[in-house]
Amino acid sequence: MSLLMAFSIVLIILAVGDVISAKTKAFIPSVFVAALLFLFGFWTFFPGDIVAQAGFQTPVVYLSMYLLITHMGTLLSVKELAAQWRSVVIALVGIAGIISLTMTIGSAVFGFEAAVTATPPLTGGVVAAIIMNEAAAGLGLEQMAVLAIITYVMQGFLGYPLTSLMLKIEGTRLIEGYRKGEIEYKEVEADTEEENSKKLIPPVPEKYSTTYVLLAKLGLTAWAAVAVGTFLDPYLGISPFVYCLIFGVIANAIGFVEKRPLNLSNSFGFLITILMAFIFAGLSDATPTMLAELAGPLVGIIVFGVTGMAILSILIGKLLGYTKEMSFAIALTALYGFPPNYILTEEGAKALAENEEEKKFLMSEMLPEMLVGGFTTVTIASVIIAGIFVNFL
């Protein structure tokens, strides 16, 4: 395929997902539709590297990830992060729920090796899947190596629609309360002059706040975050993406980076497109033969894990004052992380809102919890769990 042909096909699939999501008012999430279309394509006429041929290759993907996560950090103030401690607890308890059933019932039904291999990818993202895949392959456990990747690839098929449903129910409750005047929306997105004056670095005059200036400051922040992460990695072993989030929070708090810099520079949409295309590229490994051989343990372990997650997250969420839908949605971020957690939340808000103010209200109520949940599970906890579980193979 030519560059533009591959690019067009990838974007058409993503666009079809958006259209179907809009038509169904987010009941069928765009990411779910796109995943099905990519899977069909890989099983028929797509080359396995169509996403790479479209120009979405590893360097630009990592650049997008670093910039997007740093950008997301600017959305969360230190005060807001401290206020989200309940989301962290719910996310961690949700992971405990996954492990409690996969390593007991799942292990008894499908075998210890299958449960050990599939559990870390189920609690998080691609890093955990790669760790388990390489460990299993190194031991000559070829089926288990495939199971690790397939679990990561396929868990979203359950996670996307479940999350969409939970957020739709929660969003409906919130918007009805807002329209009746029972829930107040305090808009805090825009920095006032008084807030800016309290920051260490004064804001850049609007005439100098160009696309290049905005991206340069964001890039410097991400660069500093990754450099610190690389330096501390031998001692702490924390993903550089965690540092990007933290540095984004700090850079906005001191006034170096504006809130929502990628939106201001009109770059957000394209970077999200790059990242989503790369995620779906992983489906090229999910051949029909592999899925047939691993269907039992794959489906069983995912179902057991999500069931355990639902039970414990809803119980702890109730104790912490969250609805069962919001609690389950926070825990479900373990199945996909960022950026689907952002996209699913935005789709739900867009479908329920009648105007921009209502959409902002819903995003302010649900997005912080979903972002913090995703970073807690996928970026931090899953890597730690994989590092432990790899010793059990």
Protein backbone atom coordinates (compact mmCIF):
# COMPACT_ATOMS: atom_id res chain seq x y z
CA MET A 1 0.00 0.00 0.00
CA SER A 2 1.04 3.56 -0.57
CA LEU A 3 1.40 5.90 2.39
CA LEU A 4 -1.80 7.79 1.59
CA MET A 5 -3.82 4.67 0.85
CA ALA A 6 -2.90 3.10 4.20
CA PHE A 7 -3.51 6.42 5.98
CA SER A 8 -6.93 6.80 4.36
CA ILE A 9 -8.03 3.25 5.26
CA VAL A 10 -6.97 3.66 8.89
CA LEU A 11 -8.78 7.00 9.17
CA ILE A 12 -11.92 5.68 7.44
CA ILE A 13 -12.15 2.92 10.05
CA LEU A 14 -11.76 5.41 12.90
CA ALA A 15 -14.32 7.70 11.23
CA VAL A 16 -16.87 4.88 10.85
CA GLY A 17 -16.46 4.18 14.56
CA ASP A 18 -17.22 7.82 15.33
CA VAL A 19 -20.31 7.88 13.08
CA ILE A 20 -21.79 4.71 14.59
CA SER A 21 -21.08 5.98 18.09
CA ALA A 22 -22.84 9.25 17.30
CA LYS A 23 -25.81 7.45 15.73
CA THR A 24 -26.23 5.20 18.78
CA LYS A 25 -25.57 8.05 21.28
CA ALA A 26 -22.39 6.29 22.46
CA PHE A 27 -24.22 3.04 23.30
CA ILE A 28 -21.83 1.40 20.81
CA PRO A 29 -18.42 3.03 21.50
CA SER A 30 -16.31 4.13 18.55
CA VAL A 31 -13.28 2.22 19.85
CA PHE A 32 -15.32 -1.02 19.91
CA VAL A 33 -16.48 -0.56 16.32
CA ALA A 34 -12.97 0.33 15.14
CA ALA A 35 -11.51 -2.72 16.90
CA LEU A 36 -13.98 -5.02 15.13
CA LEU A 37 -13.24 -3.44 11.74
CA PHE A 38 -9.48 -3.70 12.22
CA LEU A 39 -9.82 -7.32 13.29
CA PHE A 40 -11.88 -8.10 10.17
CA GLY A 41 -9.33 -6.28 8.03
CA PHE A 42 -6.36 -8.16 9.45
CA TRP A 43 -8.20 -11.45 8.89
CA THR A 44 -8.88 -10.60 5.24
CA PHE A 45 -6.85 -8.17 3.15
CA PHE A 46 -4.99 -5.76 5.48
CA PRO A 47 -1.20 -6.08 5.59
CA GLY A 48 -0.08 -6.71 9.17
CA ASP A 49 1.81 -3.41 9.24
CA ILE A 50 -0.91 -1.20 7.73
CA VAL A 51 -0.71 1.21 10.68
CA ALA A 52 3.05 1.57 10.27
CA GLN A 53 2.59 2.01 6.50
CA ALA A 54 0.13 4.81 7.29
CA GLY A 55 2.98 6.71 8.95
CA PHE A 56 2.07 5.88 12.56
CA GLN A 57 5.36 4.28 13.53
CA THR A 58 7.04 3.84 16.90
CA PRO A 59 8.95 7.18 17.24
CA VAL A 60 5.93 9.38 16.49
CA VAL A 61 3.71 7.12 18.62
CA TYR A 62 5.93 7.54 21.67
CA LEU A 63 6.19 11.26 21.01
CA SER A 64 2.38 11.42 20.94
CA MET A 65 2.12 9.43 24.15
CA TYR A 66 4.60 11.62 26.03
CA LEU A 67 2.94 14.85 24.87
CA LEU A 68 -0.62 13.63 25.46
CA ILE A 69 0.03 12.37 28.99
CA THR A 70 1.89 15.57 29.90
CA HIS A 71 -1.06 17.48 28.43
CA MET A 72 -3.44 15.43 30.58
CA GLY A 73 -1.39 16.36 33.62
CA THR A 74 -2.21 20.01 32.99
CA LEU A 75 -5.91 19.15 33.45
CA LEU A 76 -5.33 18.01 37.04
CA SER A 77 -4.28 20.52 39.64
CA VAL A 78 -2.42 19.36 42.76
CA LYS A 79 -5.58 20.11 44.71
CA GLU A 80 -7.66 18.00 42.33
CA LEU A 81 -5.17 15.11 42.49
CA ALA A 82 -5.34 15.10 46.27
CA ALA A 83 -9.12 15.14 46.00
CA GLN A 84 -9.02 12.02 43.80
CA TRP A 85 -7.63 9.68 46.47
CA ARG A 86 -10.91 7.77 46.44
CA SER A 87 -10.49 7.03 42.73
CA VAL A 88 -7.02 5.61 43.42
CA VAL A 89 -8.40 3.36 46.15
CA ILE A 90 -11.27 2.13 43.94
CA ALA A 91 -8.89 1.41 41.05
CA LEU A 92 -6.50 -0.56 43.26
CA VAL A 93 -9.30 -2.51 44.92
CA GLY A 94 -10.67 -3.27 41.44
CA ILE A 95 -7.30 -4.81 40.52
CA ALA A 96 -7.38 -6.83 43.73
CA GLY A 97 -10.79 -8.08 42.61
CA ILE A 98 -9.34 -9.24 39.28
CA ILE A 99 -6.53 -11.16 40.97
CA SER A 100 -8.82 -12.69 43.60
CA LEU A 101 -10.90 -14.58 41.03
CA THR A 102 -8.38 -15.23 38.24
CA MET A 103 -5.87 -16.78 40.63
CA THR A 104 -8.45 -18.91 42.44
CA ILE A 105 -11.34 -20.01 40.21
CA GLY A 106 -9.51 -19.11 36.99
CA SER A 107 -6.41 -21.02 38.03
CA ALA A 108 -8.47 -24.07 39.03
CA VAL A 109 -10.40 -24.14 35.73
CA PHE A 110 -7.77 -23.13 33.17
CA GLY A 111 -4.49 -23.98 34.89
CA PHE A 112 -1.98 -22.03 36.95
CA GLU A 113 0.21 -21.01 34.00
CA ALA A 114 -2.70 -19.54 32.05
CA ALA A 115 -3.95 -17.58 35.07
CA VAL A 116 -0.47 -16.25 35.90
CA THR A 117 0.18 -15.26 32.28
CA ALA A 118 -3.16 -13.54 31.61
CA THR A 119 -3.71 -11.72 34.90
CA PRO A 120 -1.06 -8.95 34.57
CA PRO A 121 -2.21 -7.88 31.06
CA LEU A 122 -5.79 -7.89 32.36
CA THR A 123 -4.84 -5.48 35.14
CA GLY A 124 -3.25 -3.02 32.77
CA GLY A 125 -1.72 -2.26 29.43
CA VAL A 126 0.82 -3.20 26.85
CA VAL A 127 3.89 -3.08 29.12
CA ALA A 128 2.51 -5.80 31.38
CA ALA A 129 1.54 -7.87 28.33
CA ILE A 130 5.03 -7.57 26.84
CA ILE A 131 6.69 -8.56 30.14
CA MET A 132 4.59 -11.73 30.41
CA ASN A 133 4.90 -12.50 26.69
CA GLU A 134 8.70 -12.34 26.73
CA ALA A 135 8.95 -14.36 29.94
CA ALA A 136 6.68 -17.12 28.61
CA ALA A 137 8.47 -17.21 25.25
CA GLY A 138 11.83 -17.43 27.02
CA LEU A 139 10.60 -20.53 28.86
CA GLY A 140 9.33 -22.13 25.65
CA LEU A 141 5.67 -21.63 26.61
CA GLU A 142 4.51 -20.50 23.16
CA GLN A 143 0.77 -20.68 23.82
CA MET A 144 1.15 -18.73 27.03
CA ALA A 145 3.21 -16.10 25.20
CA VAL A 146 0.35 -15.69 22.72
CA LEU A 147 -2.21 -15.63 25.55
CA ALA A 148 -0.48 -12.64 27.14
CA ILE A 149 -0.79 -10.56 23.97
CA ILE A 150 -4.28 -11.76 23.05
CA THR A 151 -5.56 -10.93 26.55
CA TYR A 152 -4.28 -7.39 26.17
CA VAL A 153 -5.74 -7.09 22.67
CA MET A 154 -9.16 -8.58 23.47
CA GLN A 155 -9.98 -7.30 26.96
CA GLY A 156 -11.21 -4.02 25.53
CA PHE A 157 -14.03 -5.84 23.71
CA LEU A 158 -15.66 -6.30 27.10
CA GLY A 159 -14.28 -3.16 28.69
CA TYR A 160 -15.42 -0.64 26.05
CA PRO A 161 -19.16 -1.38 26.01
CA LEU A 162 -19.30 -1.96 29.78
CA THR A 163 -17.60 1.37 30.47
CA SER A 164 -19.81 3.16 27.95
CA LEU A 165 -22.90 1.76 29.68
CA MET A 166 -21.69 2.70 33.17
CA LEU A 167 -20.78 6.25 32.11
CA LYS A 168 -24.10 6.67 30.30
CA ILE A 169 -26.04 5.71 33.45
CA GLU A 170 -23.86 7.91 35.64
CA GLY A 171 -23.99 10.78 33.14
CA THR A 172 -27.77 10.58 32.95
CA ARG A 173 -28.00 10.85 36.74
CA LEU A 174 -25.64 13.82 36.77
CA ILE A 175 -27.26 15.75 33.92
CA GLU A 176 -30.75 15.29 35.36
CA GLY A 177 -29.54 16.65 38.69
CA TYR A 178 -27.82 19.54 36.93
CA ARG A 179 -30.93 20.47 34.93
CA LYS A 180 -33.08 20.37 38.07
CA GLY A 181 -30.60 22.57 39.92
CA GLU A 182 -29.73 19.81 42.40
CA ILE A 183 -26.08 19.63 41.27
CA GLU A 184 -24.12 22.85 40.79
CA TYR A 185 -21.44 23.28 38.18
CA LYS A 186 -18.57 25.48 39.23
CA GLU A 187 -16.51 26.20 36.14
CA VAL A 188 -12.84 26.21 37.06
CA GLU A 189 -11.25 25.52 33.68
CA ALA A 190 -10.16 29.01 32.74
CA ASP A 191 -7.39 30.63 34.76
CA THR A 192 -8.40 34.03 36.06
CA GLU A 193 -5.93 36.91 36.25
CA GLU A 194 -5.86 36.48 40.02
CA GLU A 195 -4.96 32.79 39.71
CA ASN A 196 -2.29 33.56 37.12
CA SER A 197 -0.77 36.22 39.37
CA LYS A 198 -0.26 33.59 42.06
CA LYS A 199 1.78 31.39 39.73
CA LEU A 200 5.56 31.41 39.75
CA ILE A 201 5.81 32.08 36.01
CA PRO A 202 3.49 34.73 34.51
CA PRO A 203 1.46 33.77 31.42
CA VAL A 204 2.89 34.37 27.95
CA PRO A 205 1.17 37.30 26.21
CA GLU A 206 -1.47 36.03 23.78
CA LYS A 207 0.32 37.35 20.69
CA TYR A 208 3.35 35.15 21.53
CA SER A 209 1.31 32.09 22.49
CA THR A 210 1.62 30.48 19.08
CA THR A 211 1.40 26.81 18.14
CA TYR A 212 5.20 26.50 18.18
CA VAL A 213 5.57 28.19 21.56
CA LEU A 214 2.85 26.04 23.13
CA LEU A 215 4.33 22.81 21.76
CA ALA A 216 7.88 23.83 22.67
CA LYS A 217 6.94 24.35 26.32
CA LEU A 218 5.01 21.08 26.41
CA GLY A 219 7.91 19.26 24.75
CA LEU A 220 10.42 20.67 27.25
CA THR A 221 8.21 19.54 30.12
CA ALA A 222 7.86 16.01 28.70
CA TRP A 223 11.62 15.90 28.00
CA ALA A 224 12.40 16.84 31.61
CA ALA A 225 9.91 14.24 32.86
CA VAL A 226 11.41 11.40 30.81
CA ALA A 227 14.96 12.45 31.74
CA VAL A 228 14.11 12.34 35.45
CA GLY A 229 12.30 9.03 34.95
CA THR A 230 15.32 7.53 33.15
CA PHE A 231 17.65 8.70 35.93
CA LEU A 232 15.44 7.29 38.70
CA ASP A 233 14.47 4.08 36.89
CA PRO A 234 17.26 1.92 38.41
CA TYR A 235 16.11 2.95 41.88
CA LEU A 236 12.32 3.20 41.58
CA GLY A 237 11.40 1.33 38.38
CA ILE A 238 8.48 3.68 37.65
CA SER A 239 7.26 4.17 34.07
CA PRO A 240 8.33 7.50 32.46
CA PHE A 241 4.66 8.06 31.62
CA VAL A 242 3.96 8.53 35.32
CA TYR A 243 6.57 11.29 35.44
CA CYS A 244 5.00 12.93 32.38
CA LEU A 245 1.68 13.12 34.21
CA ILE A 246 3.29 14.52 37.37
CA PHE A 247 5.40 17.05 35.45
CA GLY A 248 2.32 18.17 33.54
CA VAL A 249 0.58 18.91 36.84
CA ILE A 250 3.63 20.80 38.17
CA ALA A 251 4.29 22.73 34.93
CA ASN A 252 0.71 24.03 34.92
CA ALA A 253 0.77 24.77 38.65
CA ILE A 254 3.83 27.04 38.32
CA GLY A 255 2.55 28.65 35.11
CA PHE A 256 5.11 27.27 32.65
CA VAL A 257 2.53 25.34 30.59
CA GLU A 258 -1.04 26.44 29.98
CA LYS A 259 -4.01 24.25 30.75
CA ARG A 260 -4.96 22.15 27.67
CA PRO A 261 -1.89 23.16 25.59
CA LEU A 262 -2.63 20.65 22.82
CA ASN A 263 -6.15 22.01 22.42
CA LEU A 264 -4.81 25.57 22.30
CA SER A 265 -2.28 24.57 19.63
CA ASN A 266 -4.93 22.60 17.66
CA SER A 267 -2.79 19.45 17.95
CA PHE A 268 -4.84 17.26 20.26
CA GLY A 269 -7.02 15.53 17.67
CA PHE A 270 -4.15 14.39 15.45
CA LEU A 271 -2.06 13.07 18.34
CA ILE A 272 -5.04 11.08 19.65
CA THR A 273 -5.49 9.68 16.13
CA ILE A 274 -1.87 8.48 16.06
CA LEU A 275 -2.21 6.78 19.42
CA MET A 276 -5.52 5.07 18.68
CA ALA A 277 -4.22 3.75 15.34
CA PHE A 278 -1.18 2.29 17.09
CA ILE A 279 -3.33 0.55 19.71
CA PHE A 280 -5.41 -1.17 17.03
CA ALA A 281 -2.22 -2.30 15.27
CA GLY A 282 -1.91 -4.89 18.04
CA LEU A 283 -4.89 -6.73 16.59
CA SER A 284 -2.70 -7.93 13.70
CA ASP A 285 -1.41 -10.68 16.04
CA ALA A 286 -4.90 -11.99 16.85
CA THR A 287 -5.29 -14.64 14.12
CA PRO A 288 -8.41 -16.86 13.98
CA THR A 289 -6.34 -19.96 14.78
CA MET A 290 -4.82 -18.40 17.88
CA LEU A 291 -8.17 -17.18 19.10
CA ALA A 292 -9.75 -20.61 18.58
CA GLU A 293 -7.01 -22.36 20.57
CA LEU A 294 -7.09 -19.86 23.42
CA ALA A 295 -10.81 -19.02 23.40
CA GLY A 296 -11.59 -20.92 26.59
CA PRO A 297 -8.93 -19.51 28.92
CA LEU A 298 -9.09 -16.10 27.22
CA VAL A 299 -12.83 -15.59 27.72
CA GLY A 300 -12.95 -17.36 31.07
CA ILE A 301 -10.12 -15.44 32.71
CA ILE A 302 -11.42 -12.09 31.39
CA VAL A 303 -14.94 -12.84 32.67
CA PHE A 304 -13.68 -14.02 36.09
CA GLY A 305 -11.39 -11.01 36.37
CA VAL A 306 -14.05 -8.46 35.45
CA THR A 307 -16.55 -10.11 37.81
CA GLY A 308 -14.12 -9.88 40.72
CA MET A 309 -13.35 -6.29 39.74
CA ALA A 310 -17.04 -5.36 39.66
CA ILE A 311 -17.82 -6.88 43.07
CA LEU A 312 -14.95 -5.31 45.01
CA SER A 313 -14.93 -1.92 43.24
CA ILE A 314 -18.67 -1.44 43.76
CA LEU A 315 -18.42 -2.42 47.44
CA ILE A 316 -15.52 -0.07 48.19
CA GLY A 317 -17.06 2.66 46.03
CA LYS A 318 -20.25 2.54 48.06
CA LEU A 319 -18.24 2.96 51.27
CA LEU A 320 -16.43 5.96 49.74
CA GLY A 321 -19.61 7.65 48.54
CA TYR A 322 -19.48 6.84 44.82
CA THR A 323 -22.31 5.34 42.80
CA LYS A 324 -21.87 1.73 41.71
CA GLU A 325 -21.71 2.83 38.06
CA MET A 326 -18.92 5.36 38.62
CA SER A 327 -17.00 2.94 40.83
CA PHE A 328 -17.15 0.17 38.23
CA ALA A 329 -16.23 2.59 35.43
CA ILE A 330 -13.13 3.74 37.35
CA ALA A 331 -12.04 0.13 37.90
CA LEU A 332 -12.72 -0.78 34.25
CA THR A 333 -10.00 1.64 33.13
CA ALA A 334 -7.60 -1.23 33.93
CA LEU A 335 -8.81 -2.93 30.76
CA TYR A 336 -7.63 -0.19 28.40
CA GLY A 337 -6.15 2.88 30.14
CA PHE A 338 -5.38 6.05 28.19
CA PRO A 339 -6.56 7.29 25.67
CA PRO A 340 -9.76 5.15 25.53
CA ASN A 341 -10.70 6.31 29.04
CA TYR A 342 -10.68 9.90 27.79
CA ILE A 343 -12.50 9.08 24.54
CA LEU A 344 -15.22 6.99 26.21
CA THR A 345 -15.86 9.74 28.77
CA GLU A 346 -16.04 12.44 26.08
CA GLU A 347 -18.37 10.32 23.94
CA GLY A 348 -20.72 9.76 26.87
CA ALA A 349 -20.75 13.45 27.76
CA LYS A 350 -21.29 14.52 24.14
CA ALA A 351 -24.20 12.08 23.72
CA LEU A 352 -26.05 13.28 26.83
CA ALA A 353 -25.34 17.00 26.69
CA GLU A 354 -27.61 19.42 24.83
CA ASN A 355 -25.04 22.22 24.77
CA GLU A 356 -21.36 22.91 25.41
CA GLU A 357 -21.89 23.94 29.04
CA GLU A 358 -23.62 20.65 29.85
CA LYS A 359 -20.79 18.74 28.18
CA LYS A 360 -18.21 20.63 30.23
CA PHE A 361 -20.20 19.89 33.38
CA LEU A 362 -20.28 16.15 32.66
CA MET A 363 -16.59 16.08 31.75
CA SER A 364 -15.68 17.91 34.97
CA GLU A 365 -17.65 15.37 37.00
CA MET A 366 -16.39 12.16 35.35
CA LEU A 367 -13.08 12.77 33.54
CA PRO A 368 -10.77 13.36 36.57
CA GLU A 369 -11.87 10.06 38.12
CA MET A 370 -11.41 8.18 34.84
CA LEU A 371 -7.96 9.66 34.18
CA VAL A 372 -6.68 8.94 37.69
CA GLY A 373 -8.15 5.43 37.55
CA GLY A 374 -6.38 4.72 34.27
CA PHE A 375 -3.00 5.95 35.41
CA THR A 376 -3.30 4.06 38.72
CA THR A 377 -4.07 0.73 37.04
CA VAL A 378 -2.41 0.68 33.63
CA THR A 379 0.62 2.88 34.15
CA ILE A 380 1.62 1.99 37.71
CA ALA A 381 -0.02 -1.09 39.24
CA SER A 382 0.01 -3.41 36.19
CA VAL A 383 3.78 -3.10 35.69
CA ILE A 384 4.40 -3.88 39.37
CA ILE A 385 2.05 -6.88 39.21
CA ALA A 386 3.74 -8.18 36.03
CA GLY A 387 7.13 -7.86 37.71
CA ILE A 388 5.87 -10.08 40.55
CA PHE A 389 3.87 -12.60 38.50
CA VAL A 390 6.70 -13.20 36.02
CA ASN A 391 8.51 -15.06 38.81
CA PHE A 392 5.66 -17.58 39.07
CA LEU A 393 6.03 -18.95 35.54
